[in-house]
Amino acid sequence: MKKYILYTLLIISISATAIFLLSNNSRGEVEAKTPYVLSMTRSIEVPRKVEFAGEDLNLDRYDLHERYDREINGFTYLHSTTLLLIKRANRYFPIIEPILKKNGIPEDFKYLAVIESNLDHRAVSPAGAAGLWQFMPRTAPSYGLEVGSEVDERYSIEKSTEAACRYFNEAYRKYGSWASVALSYNAGQGRISGELDKQQAEDSLDLWLVSETTRYYFRMLAIKQVFKNPSKFGFILTDRDLYKPIDFNKVEVTESISDLAIFAKDNGITYAQLKDFNSWLRDRKLTISAKSQSSYTLLIPKQESLYYKKGEGVRVHDRAWISQD
């Protein structure tokens, strides 16, 4: 009996030692394979080819591949910024797209507004470019926009989009390439034309330019891919996450308004709401004179359109933006 007990104890001891050794080895292997961070970050695959405004671009050449790679990974992992862009697009794309179509501009150029201003119609750059399409104060009047102390139409979504279309058509007549049009919007036609000549290049994408311009077109290519299928890039939204489109009554003003706060109150909205939806109003008054336009159209939001109502879904402009689960 004693022999049996000793034998059993020996077996248990050997087994325990083996388990301990194996456990230590396994733990070492596990620790060696355990990442230092709690979540994984995967590099986004660069496709062989992308399409923008009806023009195909092969991405097999090293510089084109790497320029796209930088931007697609940037937008994918700038989580809060990219989420905000998709949310805002639900409000602004329904306004922008019909104007582009009316003017014969490829719909993809809506993504230029995305990268120019983050779809913030009140955006102002350090250089003084303003609005959704970031027109400079000296350039804007050339494309039909009024810029003054009381009225600055660079902040009007509709009028600034019309102005951008005038630029796009003008540049396309010059270059015959939508990629060159986009690059010239950032660098200026003079710079693009001059560098094409000086560098003996035929394609603007082959030019050596400042970093901002070099990245510009590829930022448009990348954000288009994210917008086409957000969930593939890790962005999961429902209709309730998107910013609701606002419905308006349009009020034509033919006489000066001495106090816009009183005007807003008389129309059932706050001064802040009037300014938010008519950001081109740059003063507390609106003067109509021989030097200005004979009339202006103000957008007055409908009351029922101003609120997110419980249990009511938001009107979705593009079903690809929301999760279908």
C-alpha atoms as a PDB file:
ATOM      1  CA  MET A   1       0.000   0.000   0.000  1.00  0.00           C
ATOM      2  CA  LYS A   2       2.818   2.344   0.921  1.00  0.00           C
ATOM      3  CA  LYS A   3       4.504   1.468  -2.349  1.00  0.00           C
ATOM      4  CA  TYR A   4       1.345   2.343  -4.236  1.00  0.00           C
ATOM      5  CA  ILE A   5       0.994   5.642  -2.436  1.00  0.00           C
ATOM      6  CA  LEU A   6       4.635   6.565  -3.115  1.00  0.00           C
ATOM      7  CA  TYR A   7       4.234   5.561  -6.743  1.00  0.00           C
ATOM      8  CA  THR A   8       1.106   7.701  -7.081  1.00  0.00           C
ATOM      9  CA  LEU A   9       2.804  10.658  -5.452  1.00  0.00           C
ATOM     10  CA  LEU A  10       5.762  10.274  -7.782  1.00  0.00           C
ATOM     11  CA  ILE A  11       3.496  10.248 -10.828  1.00  0.00           C
ATOM     12  CA  ILE A  12       1.665  13.355  -9.578  1.00  0.00           C
ATOM     13  CA  SER A  13       4.970  15.129  -8.915  1.00  0.00           C
ATOM     14  CA  ILE A  14       6.332  14.313 -12.373  1.00  0.00           C
ATOM     15  CA  SER A  15       3.061  15.389 -14.009  1.00  0.00           C
ATOM     16  CA  ALA A  16       2.997  18.640 -12.052  1.00  0.00           C
ATOM     17  CA  THR A  17       6.600  19.383 -13.019  1.00  0.00           C
ATOM     18  CA  ALA A  18       5.854  18.652 -16.681  1.00  0.00           C
ATOM     19  CA  ILE A  19       2.775  20.856 -16.617  1.00  0.00           C
ATOM     20  CA  PHE A  20       4.772  23.636 -14.943  1.00  0.00           C
ATOM     21  CA  LEU A  21       7.534  23.431 -17.553  1.00  0.00           C
ATOM     22  CA  LEU A  22       5.098  23.272 -20.442  1.00  0.00           C
ATOM     23  CA  SER A  23       3.125  26.127 -18.951  1.00  0.00           C
ATOM     24  CA  ASN A  24       6.242  28.274 -18.702  1.00  0.00           C
ATOM     25  CA  ASN A  25       7.226  27.459 -22.274  1.00  0.00           C
ATOM     26  CA  SER A  26       3.696  28.208 -23.521  1.00  0.00           C
ATOM     27  CA  ARG A  27       3.601  31.423 -21.547  1.00  0.00           C
ATOM     28  CA  GLY A  28       6.896  32.474 -23.083  1.00  0.00           C
ATOM     29  CA  GLU A  29       5.635  31.712 -26.566  1.00  0.00           C
ATOM     30  CA  VAL A  30       2.382  33.547 -25.914  1.00  0.00           C
ATOM     31  CA  GLU A  31       4.187  36.548 -24.483  1.00  0.00           C
ATOM     32  CA  ALA A  32       6.526  36.612 -27.480  1.00  0.00           C
ATOM     33  CA  LYS A  33       3.534  36.775 -29.821  1.00  0.00           C
ATOM     34  CA  THR A  34       1.441  39.177 -27.749  1.00  0.00           C
ATOM     35  CA  PRO A  35       1.315  42.705 -29.267  1.00  0.00           C
ATOM     36  CA  TYR A  36       2.247  45.729 -27.210  1.00  0.00           C
ATOM     37  CA  VAL A  37      -1.079  47.425 -28.002  1.00  0.00           C
ATOM     38  CA  LEU A  38      -4.663  46.275 -27.392  1.00  0.00           C
ATOM     39  CA  SER A  39      -5.946  46.934 -30.920  1.00  0.00           C
ATOM     40  CA  MET A  40      -4.599  46.260 -34.398  1.00  0.00           C
ATOM     41  CA  THR A  41      -4.038  48.826 -37.154  1.00  0.00           C
ATOM     42  CA  ARG A  42      -4.132  47.382 -40.632  1.00  0.00           C
ATOM     43  CA  SER A  43      -2.718  49.167 -43.672  1.00  0.00           C
ATOM     44  CA  ILE A  44      -5.340  49.713 -46.368  1.00  0.00           C
ATOM     45  CA  GLU A  45      -4.670  47.913 -49.623  1.00  0.00           C
ATOM     46  CA  VAL A  46      -3.932  50.184 -52.588  1.00  0.00           C
ATOM     47  CA  PRO A  47      -5.946  49.165 -55.682  1.00  0.00           C
ATOM     48  CA  ARG A  48      -4.292  48.762 -59.054  1.00  0.00           C
ATOM     49  CA  LYS A  49      -6.494  51.444 -60.580  1.00  0.00           C
ATOM     50  CA  VAL A  50      -8.950  54.134 -59.487  1.00  0.00           C
ATOM     51  CA  GLU A  51     -11.424  56.291 -61.414  1.00  0.00           C
ATOM     52  CA  PHE A  52     -12.254  59.941 -60.864  1.00  0.00           C
ATOM     53  CA  ALA A  53     -14.515  62.147 -62.977  1.00  0.00           C
ATOM     54  CA  GLY A  54     -14.511  59.512 -65.722  1.00  0.00           C
ATOM     55  CA  GLU A  55     -10.706  59.381 -65.874  1.00  0.00           C
ATOM     56  CA  ASP A  56      -8.833  56.192 -64.920  1.00  0.00           C
ATOM     57  CA  LEU A  57      -5.543  56.358 -63.063  1.00  0.00           C
ATOM     58  CA  ASN A  58      -3.218  53.373 -62.719  1.00  0.00           C
ATOM     59  CA  LEU A  59      -1.535  53.270 -59.322  1.00  0.00           C
ATOM     60  CA  ASP A  60       1.235  50.799 -60.126  1.00  0.00           C
ATOM     61  CA  ARG A  61       3.941  53.466 -60.471  1.00  0.00           C
ATOM     62  CA  TYR A  62       5.758  53.933 -57.148  1.00  0.00           C
ATOM     63  CA  ASP A  63       4.967  57.620 -56.591  1.00  0.00           C
ATOM     64  CA  LEU A  64       1.286  57.371 -57.522  1.00  0.00           C
ATOM     65  CA  HIS A  65       0.933  54.236 -55.381  1.00  0.00           C
ATOM     66  CA  GLU A  66       2.534  55.871 -52.348  1.00  0.00           C
ATOM     67  CA  ARG A  67       0.670  59.163 -52.679  1.00  0.00           C
ATOM     68  CA  TYR A  68      -2.651  57.326 -52.691  1.00  0.00           C
ATOM     69  CA  ASP A  69      -1.515  55.029 -49.868  1.00  0.00           C
ATOM     70  CA  ARG A  70      -0.787  58.019 -47.632  1.00  0.00           C
ATOM     71  CA  GLU A  71      -4.196  59.587 -48.135  1.00  0.00           C
ATOM     72  CA  ILE A  72      -6.382  56.481 -47.936  1.00  0.00           C
ATOM     73  CA  ASN A  73      -4.748  55.456 -44.654  1.00  0.00           C
ATOM     74  CA  GLY A  74      -4.976  59.022 -43.384  1.00  0.00           C
ATOM     75  CA  PHE A  75      -8.724  59.297 -43.936  1.00  0.00           C
ATOM     76  CA  THR A  76      -9.287  55.771 -42.607  1.00  0.00           C
ATOM     77  CA  TYR A  77      -7.617  56.418 -39.280  1.00  0.00           C
ATOM     78  CA  LEU A  78      -8.613  60.067 -38.751  1.00  0.00           C
ATOM     79  CA  HIS A  79     -11.772  58.630 -37.267  1.00  0.00           C
ATOM     80  CA  SER A  80     -13.579  61.666 -35.873  1.00  0.00           C
ATOM     81  CA  THR A  81     -12.775  63.885 -38.861  1.00  0.00           C
ATOM     82  CA  THR A  82     -13.915  61.366 -41.461  1.00  0.00           C
ATOM     83  CA  LEU A  83     -17.093  60.575 -39.506  1.00  0.00           C
ATOM     84  CA  LEU A  84     -17.924  64.279 -39.422  1.00  0.00           C
ATOM     85  CA  LEU A  85     -17.393  64.595 -43.190  1.00  0.00           C
ATOM     86  CA  ILE A  86     -19.902  61.825 -43.913  1.00  0.00           C
ATOM     87  CA  LYS A  87     -22.435  63.325 -41.500  1.00  0.00           C
ATOM     88  CA  ARG A  88     -22.140  66.784 -43.075  1.00  0.00           C
ATOM     89  CA  ALA A  89     -22.310  65.414 -46.608  1.00  0.00           C
ATOM     90  CA  ASN A  90     -25.871  64.270 -45.957  1.00  0.00           C
ATOM     91  CA  ARG A  91     -26.858  67.939 -45.630  1.00  0.00           C
ATOM     92  CA  TYR A  92     -24.683  69.521 -48.305  1.00  0.00           C
ATOM     93  CA  PHE A  93     -24.355  67.002 -51.146  1.00  0.00           C
ATOM     94  CA  PRO A  94     -28.076  67.342 -52.056  1.00  0.00           C
ATOM     95  CA  ILE A  95     -27.394  71.058 -52.629  1.00  0.00           C
ATOM     96  CA  ILE A  96     -24.059  70.694 -54.430  1.00  0.00           C
ATOM     97  CA  GLU A  97     -24.787  67.799 -56.792  1.00  0.00           C
ATOM     98  CA  PRO A  98     -27.616  69.388 -58.851  1.00  0.00           C
ATOM     99  CA  ILE A  99     -25.529  72.536 -59.396  1.00  0.00           C
ATOM    100  CA  LEU A 100     -22.560  70.504 -60.639  1.00  0.00           C
ATOM    101  CA  LYS A 101     -24.836  68.558 -62.965  1.00  0.00           C
ATOM    102  CA  LYS A 102     -26.501  71.700 -64.318  1.00  0.00           C
ATOM    103  CA  ASN A 103     -23.090  73.107 -65.202  1.00  0.00           C
ATOM    104  CA  GLY A 104     -21.742  69.938 -66.808  1.00  0.00           C
ATOM    105  CA  ILE A 105     -19.215  69.243 -64.056  1.00  0.00           C
ATOM    106  CA  PRO A 106     -18.540  65.619 -63.043  1.00  0.00           C
ATOM    107  CA  GLU A 107     -20.278  64.780 -59.778  1.00  0.00           C
ATOM    108  CA  ASP A 108     -16.972  63.628 -58.288  1.00  0.00           C
ATOM    109  CA  PHE A 109     -15.989  67.277 -57.890  1.00  0.00           C
ATOM    110  CA  LYS A 110     -18.149  67.401 -54.782  1.00  0.00           C
ATOM    111  CA  TYR A 111     -15.172  65.723 -53.116  1.00  0.00           C
ATOM    112  CA  LEU A 112     -13.092  68.790 -53.869  1.00  0.00           C
ATOM    113  CA  ALA A 113     -15.344  70.735 -51.500  1.00  0.00           C
ATOM    114  CA  VAL A 114     -14.813  67.988 -48.919  1.00  0.00           C
ATOM    115  CA  ILE A 115     -11.041  68.362 -48.903  1.00  0.00           C
ATOM    116  CA  GLU A 116     -11.091  72.152 -49.344  1.00  0.00           C
ATOM    117  CA  SER A 117     -13.253  73.051 -46.347  1.00  0.00           C
ATOM    118  CA  ASN A 118     -14.221  69.812 -44.578  1.00  0.00           C
ATOM    119  CA  LEU A 119     -17.728  70.767 -45.757  1.00  0.00           C
ATOM    120  CA  ASP A 120     -17.708  73.706 -43.353  1.00  0.00           C
ATOM    121  CA  HIS A 121     -19.410  76.608 -45.129  1.00  0.00           C
ATOM    122  CA  ARG A 122     -17.963  79.029 -42.565  1.00  0.00           C
ATOM    123  CA  ALA A 123     -14.352  77.862 -42.982  1.00  0.00           C
ATOM    124  CA  VAL A 124     -11.623  80.485 -43.367  1.00  0.00           C
ATOM    125  CA  SER A 125      -8.014  79.586 -44.177  1.00  0.00           C
ATOM    126  CA  PRO A 126      -4.963  81.395 -42.742  1.00  0.00           C
ATOM    127  CA  ALA A 127      -4.515  82.968 -46.199  1.00  0.00           C
ATOM    128  CA  GLY A 128      -8.073  84.343 -46.177  1.00  0.00           C
ATOM    129  CA  ALA A 129      -9.777  81.816 -48.453  1.00  0.00           C
ATOM    130  CA  ALA A 130     -13.367  81.375 -47.318  1.00  0.00           C
ATOM    131  CA  GLY A 131     -16.450  79.232 -47.635  1.00  0.00           C
ATOM    132  CA  LEU A 132     -17.168  75.737 -48.847  1.00  0.00           C
ATOM    133  CA  TRP A 133     -14.991  76.163 -51.949  1.00  0.00           C
ATOM    134  CA  GLN A 134     -12.361  78.390 -50.315  1.00  0.00           C
ATOM    135  CA  PHE A 135     -12.329  81.309 -52.729  1.00  0.00           C
ATOM    136  CA  MET A 136      -9.799  84.070 -52.134  1.00  0.00           C
ATOM    137  CA  PRO A 137     -11.293  87.579 -51.793  1.00  0.00           C
ATOM    138  CA  ARG A 138      -9.487  88.879 -54.888  1.00  0.00           C
ATOM    139  CA  THR A 139     -10.398  85.862 -57.032  1.00  0.00           C
ATOM    140  CA  ALA A 140     -14.066  85.514 -56.079  1.00  0.00           C
ATOM    141  CA  PRO A 141     -15.431  88.538 -58.021  1.00  0.00           C
ATOM    142  CA  SER A 142     -13.890  87.137 -61.230  1.00  0.00           C
ATOM    143  CA  TYR A 143     -16.309  84.234 -60.930  1.00  0.00           C
ATOM    144  CA  GLY A 144     -19.403  86.267 -60.098  1.00  0.00           C
ATOM    145  CA  LEU A 145     -19.286  86.509 -56.322  1.00  0.00           C
ATOM    146  CA  GLU A 146     -19.909  89.710 -54.395  1.00  0.00           C
ATOM    147  CA  VAL A 147     -17.354  90.315 -51.640  1.00  0.00           C
ATOM    148  CA  GLY A 148     -17.882  93.240 -49.284  1.00  0.00           C
ATOM    149  CA  SER A 149     -18.322  94.287 -45.671  1.00  0.00           C
ATOM    150  CA  GLU A 150     -22.038  93.407 -45.572  1.00  0.00           C
ATOM    151  CA  VAL A 151     -22.262  90.665 -48.183  1.00  0.00           C
ATOM    152  CA  ASP A 152     -19.653  88.006 -48.924  1.00  0.00           C
ATOM    153  CA  GLU A 153     -21.065  85.386 -51.277  1.00  0.00           C
ATOM    154  CA  ARG A 154     -18.092  83.089 -50.815  1.00  0.00           C
ATOM    155  CA  TYR A 155     -20.085  81.863 -47.794  1.00  0.00           C
ATOM    156  CA  SER A 156     -23.203  81.138 -49.861  1.00  0.00           C
ATOM    157  CA  ILE A 157     -23.306  77.418 -50.612  1.00  0.00           C
ATOM    158  CA  GLU A 158     -25.341  77.783 -53.798  1.00  0.00           C
ATOM    159  CA  LYS A 159     -23.568  80.829 -55.246  1.00  0.00           C
ATOM    160  CA  SER A 160     -20.068  79.668 -54.367  1.00  0.00           C
ATOM    161  CA  THR A 161     -20.790  76.291 -55.992  1.00  0.00           C
ATOM    162  CA  GLU A 162     -21.927  78.093 -59.151  1.00  0.00           C
ATOM    163  CA  ALA A 163     -18.686  80.096 -59.045  1.00  0.00           C
ATOM    164  CA  ALA A 164     -16.602  76.936 -58.605  1.00  0.00           C
ATOM    165  CA  CYS A 165     -18.331  75.438 -61.660  1.00  0.00           C
ATOM    166  CA  ARG A 166     -17.337  78.502 -63.719  1.00  0.00           C
ATOM    167  CA  TYR A 167     -13.748  77.920 -62.687  1.00  0.00           C
ATOM    168  CA  PHE A 168     -13.875  74.185 -63.442  1.00  0.00           C
ATOM    169  CA  ASN A 169     -15.276  74.730 -66.934  1.00  0.00           C
ATOM    170  CA  GLU A 170     -12.736  77.444 -67.675  1.00  0.00           C
ATOM    171  CA  ALA A 171      -9.841  75.244 -66.532  1.00  0.00           C
ATOM    172  CA  TYR A 172     -11.126  72.195 -68.401  1.00  0.00           C
ATOM    173  CA  ARG A 173     -11.253  74.161 -71.647  1.00  0.00           C
ATOM    174  CA  LYS A 174      -7.607  74.939 -71.038  1.00  0.00           C
ATOM    175  CA  TYR A 175      -6.288  71.529 -69.963  1.00  0.00           C
ATOM    176  CA  GLY A 176      -8.775  68.930 -71.204  1.00  0.00           C
ATOM    177  CA  SER A 177      -8.098  66.929 -68.049  1.00  0.00           C
ATOM    178  CA  TRP A 178     -10.141  66.884 -64.848  1.00  0.00           C
ATOM    179  CA  ALA A 179      -7.060  65.906 -62.843  1.00  0.00           C
ATOM    180  CA  SER A 180      -5.315  69.052 -64.073  1.00  0.00           C
ATOM    181  CA  VAL A 181      -8.437  71.086 -63.273  1.00  0.00           C
ATOM    182  CA  ALA A 182      -8.328  69.846 -59.681  1.00  0.00           C
ATOM    183  CA  LEU A 183      -4.607  70.547 -59.294  1.00  0.00           C
ATOM    184  CA  SER A 184      -4.998  74.020 -60.767  1.00  0.00           C
ATOM    185  CA  TYR A 185      -7.748  74.780 -58.263  1.00  0.00           C
ATOM    186  CA  ASN A 186      -5.154  74.380 -55.541  1.00  0.00           C
ATOM    187  CA  ALA A 187      -2.039  75.782 -57.211  1.00  0.00           C
ATOM    188  CA  GLY A 188      -3.545  78.163 -59.749  1.00  0.00           C
ATOM    189  CA  GLN A 189      -3.631  77.830 -63.525  1.00  0.00           C
ATOM    190  CA  GLY A 190      -0.546  79.989 -63.897  1.00  0.00           C
ATOM    191  CA  ARG A 191       1.527  77.669 -61.730  1.00  0.00           C
ATOM    192  CA  ILE A 192       0.327  74.461 -63.396  1.00  0.00           C
ATOM    193  CA  SER A 193       0.754  75.820 -66.925  1.00  0.00           C
ATOM    194  CA  GLY A 194       4.153  77.270 -66.089  1.00  0.00           C
ATOM    195  CA  GLU A 195       5.441  74.069 -64.514  1.00  0.00           C
ATOM    196  CA  LEU A 196       4.177  71.910 -67.379  1.00  0.00           C
ATOM    197  CA  ASP A 197       6.307  74.051 -69.662  1.00  0.00           C
ATOM    198  CA  LYS A 198       9.384  74.336 -67.412  1.00  0.00           C
ATOM    199  CA  GLN A 199       9.450  70.652 -66.501  1.00  0.00           C
ATOM    200  CA  GLN A 200       8.735  69.527 -70.062  1.00  0.00           C
ATOM    201  CA  ALA A 201       5.805  67.442 -68.811  1.00  0.00           C
ATOM    202  CA  GLU A 202       2.537  66.524 -70.503  1.00  0.00           C
ATOM    203  CA  ASP A 203       0.631  65.302 -67.450  1.00  0.00           C
ATOM    204  CA  SER A 204       0.145  67.518 -64.393  1.00  0.00           C
ATOM    205  CA  LEU A 205       0.376  64.446 -62.142  1.00  0.00           C
ATOM    206  CA  ASP A 206       4.013  64.102 -63.249  1.00  0.00           C
ATOM    207  CA  LEU A 207       4.969  67.556 -61.968  1.00  0.00           C
ATOM    208  CA  TRP A 208       7.252  68.300 -59.034  1.00  0.00           C
ATOM    209  CA  LEU A 209       5.103  70.622 -56.912  1.00  0.00           C
ATOM    210  CA  VAL A 210       4.800  71.721 -53.280  1.00  0.00           C
ATOM    211  CA  SER A 211       3.578  69.004 -50.934  1.00  0.00           C
ATOM    212  CA  GLU A 212       0.063  70.437 -50.537  1.00  0.00           C
ATOM    213  CA  THR A 213      -0.567  70.375 -54.297  1.00  0.00           C
ATOM    214  CA  THR A 214       1.128  67.000 -54.759  1.00  0.00           C
ATOM    215  CA  ARG A 215      -1.258  65.496 -52.195  1.00  0.00           C
ATOM    216  CA  TYR A 216      -4.347  67.393 -53.344  1.00  0.00           C
ATOM    217  CA  TYR A 217      -5.716  65.170 -56.109  1.00  0.00           C
ATOM    218  CA  PHE A 218      -4.962  61.996 -54.169  1.00  0.00           C
ATOM    219  CA  ARG A 219      -6.911  63.258 -51.181  1.00  0.00           C
ATOM    220  CA  MET A 220      -9.915  63.543 -53.495  1.00  0.00           C
ATOM    221  CA  LEU A 221      -9.354  60.024 -54.830  1.00  0.00           C
ATOM    222  CA  ALA A 222      -9.070  58.614 -51.318  1.00  0.00           C
ATOM    223  CA  ILE A 223     -12.061  60.308 -49.726  1.00  0.00           C
ATOM    224  CA  LYS A 224     -14.201  59.210 -52.668  1.00  0.00           C
ATOM    225  CA  GLN A 225     -13.356  55.574 -51.896  1.00  0.00           C
ATOM    226  CA  VAL A 226     -14.261  56.005 -48.222  1.00  0.00           C
ATOM    227  CA  PHE A 227     -17.572  57.685 -49.089  1.00  0.00           C
ATOM    228  CA  LYS A 228     -18.459  54.902 -51.536  1.00  0.00           C
ATOM    229  CA  ASN A 229     -18.336  52.273 -48.783  1.00  0.00           C
ATOM    230  CA  PRO A 230     -17.710  53.678 -45.275  1.00  0.00           C
ATOM    231  CA  SER A 231     -18.315  50.391 -43.461  1.00  0.00           C
ATOM    232  CA  LYS A 232     -15.493  48.747 -45.410  1.00  0.00           C
ATOM    233  CA  PHE A 233     -13.161  51.299 -43.855  1.00  0.00           C
ATOM    234  CA  GLY A 234     -14.586  50.808 -40.366  1.00  0.00           C
ATOM    235  CA  PHE A 235     -17.145  53.630 -40.244  1.00  0.00           C
ATOM    236  CA  ILE A 236     -20.518  52.383 -39.043  1.00  0.00           C
ATOM    237  CA  LEU A 237     -23.403  54.875 -39.112  1.00  0.00           C
ATOM    238  CA  THR A 238     -27.180  54.758 -38.951  1.00  0.00           C
ATOM    239  CA  ASP A 239     -29.583  57.250 -40.469  1.00  0.00           C
ATOM    240  CA  ARG A 240     -29.907  58.906 -37.051  1.00  0.00           C
ATOM    241  CA  ASP A 241     -26.159  59.669 -37.053  1.00  0.00           C
ATOM    242  CA  LEU A 242     -26.292  61.748 -40.230  1.00  0.00           C
ATOM    243  CA  TYR A 243     -26.960  65.488 -40.169  1.00  0.00           C
ATOM    244  CA  LYS A 244     -30.466  66.117 -41.387  1.00  0.00           C
ATOM    245  CA  PRO A 245     -31.058  68.225 -44.504  1.00  0.00           C
ATOM    246  CA  ILE A 246     -32.825  71.494 -43.707  1.00  0.00           C
ATOM    247  CA  ASP A 247     -35.910  72.647 -45.611  1.00  0.00           C
ATOM    248  CA  PHE A 248     -36.291  76.371 -46.253  1.00  0.00           C
ATOM    249  CA  ASN A 249     -38.679  79.077 -47.268  1.00  0.00           C
ATOM    250  CA  LYS A 250     -36.956  81.514 -49.608  1.00  0.00           C
ATOM    251  CA  VAL A 251     -37.583  85.184 -48.930  1.00  0.00           C
ATOM    252  CA  GLU A 252     -36.611  87.702 -51.589  1.00  0.00           C
ATOM    253  CA  VAL A 253     -35.486  91.008 -50.100  1.00  0.00           C
ATOM    254  CA  THR A 254     -35.672  94.112 -52.284  1.00  0.00           C
ATOM    255  CA  GLU A 255     -35.331  96.767 -49.579  1.00  0.00           C
ATOM    256  CA  SER A 256     -32.611  97.397 -47.003  1.00  0.00           C
ATOM    257  CA  ILE A 257     -32.857  95.697 -43.604  1.00  0.00           C
ATOM    258  CA  SER A 258     -31.585  97.915 -40.810  1.00  0.00           C
ATOM    259  CA  ASP A 259     -31.552  95.204 -38.130  1.00  0.00           C
ATOM    260  CA  LEU A 260     -31.224  91.543 -39.099  1.00  0.00           C
ATOM    261  CA  ALA A 261     -32.035  90.403 -35.547  1.00  0.00           C
ATOM    262  CA  ILE A 262     -35.479  91.998 -35.786  1.00  0.00           C
ATOM    263  CA  PHE A 263     -35.898  90.557 -39.291  1.00  0.00           C
ATOM    264  CA  ALA A 264     -35.070  87.077 -37.962  1.00  0.00           C
ATOM    265  CA  LYS A 265     -37.505  87.386 -35.071  1.00  0.00           C
ATOM    266  CA  ASP A 266     -40.256  88.574 -37.408  1.00  0.00           C
ATOM    267  CA  ASN A 267     -39.668  85.429 -39.477  1.00  0.00           C
ATOM    268  CA  GLY A 268     -39.895  83.097 -36.492  1.00  0.00           C
ATOM    269  CA  ILE A 269     -36.199  82.210 -36.113  1.00  0.00           C
ATOM    270  CA  THR A 270     -33.255  83.403 -34.051  1.00  0.00           C
ATOM    271  CA  TYR A 271     -30.566  85.748 -35.308  1.00  0.00           C
ATOM    272  CA  ALA A 272     -28.076  82.876 -34.922  1.00  0.00           C
ATOM    273  CA  GLN A 273     -30.191  80.621 -37.158  1.00  0.00           C
ATOM    274  CA  LEU A 274     -30.505  83.346 -39.780  1.00  0.00           C
ATOM    275  CA  LYS A 275     -26.721  83.790 -39.817  1.00  0.00           C
ATOM    276  CA  ASP A 276     -26.039  80.051 -39.807  1.00  0.00           C
ATOM    277  CA  PHE A 277     -28.057  79.421 -42.955  1.00  0.00           C
ATOM    278  CA  ASN A 278     -27.138  82.737 -44.589  1.00  0.00           C
ATOM    279  CA  SER A 279     -23.499  83.050 -43.595  1.00  0.00           C
ATOM    280  CA  TRP A 280     -22.869  85.382 -46.511  1.00  0.00           C
ATOM    281  CA  LEU A 281     -24.511  88.085 -44.358  1.00  0.00           C
ATOM    282  CA  ARG A 282     -21.429  89.638 -42.755  1.00  0.00           C
ATOM    283  CA  ASP A 283     -22.988  92.505 -40.817  1.00  0.00           C
ATOM    284  CA  ARG A 284     -26.014  93.133 -38.608  1.00  0.00           C
ATOM    285  CA  LYS A 285     -27.737  94.933 -41.464  1.00  0.00           C
ATOM    286  CA  LEU A 286     -28.258  94.449 -45.194  1.00  0.00           C
ATOM    287  CA  THR A 287     -28.104  97.498 -47.425  1.00  0.00           C
ATOM    288  CA  ILE A 288     -29.556  97.501 -50.910  1.00  0.00           C
ATOM    289  CA  SER A 289     -28.271 100.377 -52.991  1.00  0.00           C
ATOM    290  CA  ALA A 290     -27.216 101.271 -56.504  1.00  0.00           C
ATOM    291  CA  LYS A 291     -23.782  99.785 -55.762  1.00  0.00           C
ATOM    292  CA  SER A 292     -25.180  96.431 -54.635  1.00  0.00           C
ATOM    293  CA  GLN A 293     -27.511  93.872 -56.142  1.00  0.00           C
ATOM    294  CA  SER A 294     -31.159  94.877 -56.551  1.00  0.00           C
ATOM    295  CA  SER A 295     -32.317  91.975 -54.381  1.00  0.00           C
ATOM    296  CA  TYR A 296     -31.099  89.117 -52.217  1.00  0.00           C
ATOM    297  CA  THR A 297     -32.687  85.793 -51.376  1.00  0.00           C
ATOM    298  CA  LEU A 298     -32.554  84.736 -47.738  1.00  0.00           C
ATOM    299  CA  LEU A 299     -33.115  81.186 -46.565  1.00  0.00           C
ATOM    300  CA  ILE A 300     -35.563  80.896 -43.671  1.00  0.00           C
ATOM    301  CA  PRO A 301     -35.516  77.388 -42.166  1.00  0.00           C
ATOM    302  CA  LYS A 302     -38.871  75.744 -41.631  1.00  0.00           C
ATOM    303  CA  GLN A 303     -39.584  75.186 -37.946  1.00  0.00           C
ATOM    304  CA  GLU A 304     -40.308  71.474 -38.265  1.00  0.00           C
ATOM    305  CA  SER A 305     -36.992  71.036 -40.053  1.00  0.00           C
ATOM    306  CA  LEU A 306     -34.909  72.376 -37.174  1.00  0.00           C
ATOM    307  CA  TYR A 307     -35.414  69.479 -34.761  1.00  0.00           C
ATOM    308  CA  TYR A 308     -34.312  65.871 -34.465  1.00  0.00           C
ATOM    309  CA  LYS A 309     -37.487  64.119 -33.386  1.00  0.00           C
ATOM    310  CA  LYS A 310     -37.454  60.956 -31.311  1.00  0.00           C
ATOM    311  CA  GLY A 311     -38.233  57.887 -33.388  1.00  0.00           C
ATOM    312  CA  GLU A 312     -37.979  59.806 -36.651  1.00  0.00           C
ATOM    313  CA  GLY A 313     -35.220  58.811 -39.051  1.00  0.00           C
ATOM    314  CA  VAL A 314     -33.123  61.320 -40.959  1.00  0.00           C
ATOM    315  CA  ARG A 315     -33.559  61.581 -44.725  1.00  0.00           C
ATOM    316  CA  VAL A 316     -30.552  59.697 -46.161  1.00  0.00           C
ATOM    317  CA  HIS A 317     -28.945  61.061 -49.309  1.00  0.00           C
ATOM    318  CA  ASP A 318     -26.812  57.991 -50.041  1.00  0.00           C
ATOM    319  CA  ARG A 319     -27.767  54.585 -48.627  1.00  0.00           C
ATOM    320  CA  ALA A 320     -24.138  53.453 -48.937  1.00  0.00           C
ATOM    321  CA  TRP A 321     -23.310  55.641 -45.948  1.00  0.00           C
ATOM    322  CA  ILE A 322     -25.359  53.685 -43.422  1.00  0.00           C
ATOM    323  CA  SER A 323     -25.096  50.177 -42.075  1.00  0.00           C
ATOM    324  CA  GLN A 324     -27.524  47.745 -43.693  1.00  0.00           C
ATOM    325  CA  ASP A 325     -27.462  45.317 -40.733  1.00  0.00           C
END
